[in-house]
Amino acid sequence: MNELHTVGAIVEIGKKCVHHLFEEQAAKNPKATALICDKQRMSYEELNARANNIGHYMQSLGVGVGTMVGIGMERCIEAIICILAILKTGGAYVIVNPKYPVARIEEMLADAQISLLITKSSLKAGFNYKDLRIIDYDQFSDCTNEKTVNVVSDVTIDDAAYSAFTSGTSGKPKGIIGKHLSIATFVKYCTFFYKEDASKENASDEVSALLSPLDFGASVGTMFMPLCNGKPLAIIPTGEEKDPYKFARRIYEHKITSFIMTTALARQLCALKDEGRKLLS
């Protein structure tokens, strides 16, 4: 049964890359909520326009199929925008956690042959590495009306979408390539999670939460599953996933219905009492 479902998913996506599936949802229901993070909300229309704006700029710098681009941010709305922007150019994204030790960052930059990295103004000083060009995300704050049409590239489903690095505990960290085909197939395979027609206005009964670090492989499916199905993605602010009460409050505030978590966090949530337990009702 699962094998048949997977084959059907591959047939359905055809030649569509991950960002194409997202763009379809942005066209179907542009005003629907795409991203939630604390008090911030962004619609599909806004997210797509923002990603296109940055994607066009990166194309002008030569980013295209096969280019590995670093993202020096933790889990946040801006990071999701940059991920989509890179995919639209045909490039692949690599999350470079600004809290990593210098030696690990240098190894990642060399292994993935990253010469271009996008980050925020407040984090730029932490990426002062030789031959690394920095794009300041904050420079786009006043450019939301420029070049918002969908970026066009020669990327195919067999091209790389991202590279995630192993922990390096048994030696040197290694970059593992993830292709558009594998992500898009997974996204389509998981459509059974979403019972409501995503093309309907305000179809937001299902809200997924992203609480994995962006450099963890688990974040890929968690991030694209809702965004390629027209559903909201609630980004849990960095650190809150370690506090079961704070996370429970986010579940309550954003009406979160699904997420992937560790066994340890599950046990902590189950152990909540009184007010904490009410938040999970």
Foldseek 3Di string as FASTA:
>chain_A
DLVVLLVVLLVVCPWPFLLNLLVVLCVLEVQAWAEAEPPDTDGSVLLLLLLQQVLVVVVVVVQAALAEEEEADKFDSLSVSPLSSSVLRNHAYAYDHLPDDPVLSVLVCVQSVYQEYEYAPVSVVSPPDPNHHYDHSVVCVPVSPPRRPRRHGPHTQATFHYWAWDPQPVHRIHTDTDGRSVLSSLLSSPCVVQPDQLSDHNSALAEAEQDDIPSDPQNSNSNSNCSSRNYYYYYYPPPQLVPLQSVLQVCQVVVHDDYDDDPVSVVVQVPDDDPSVVSND
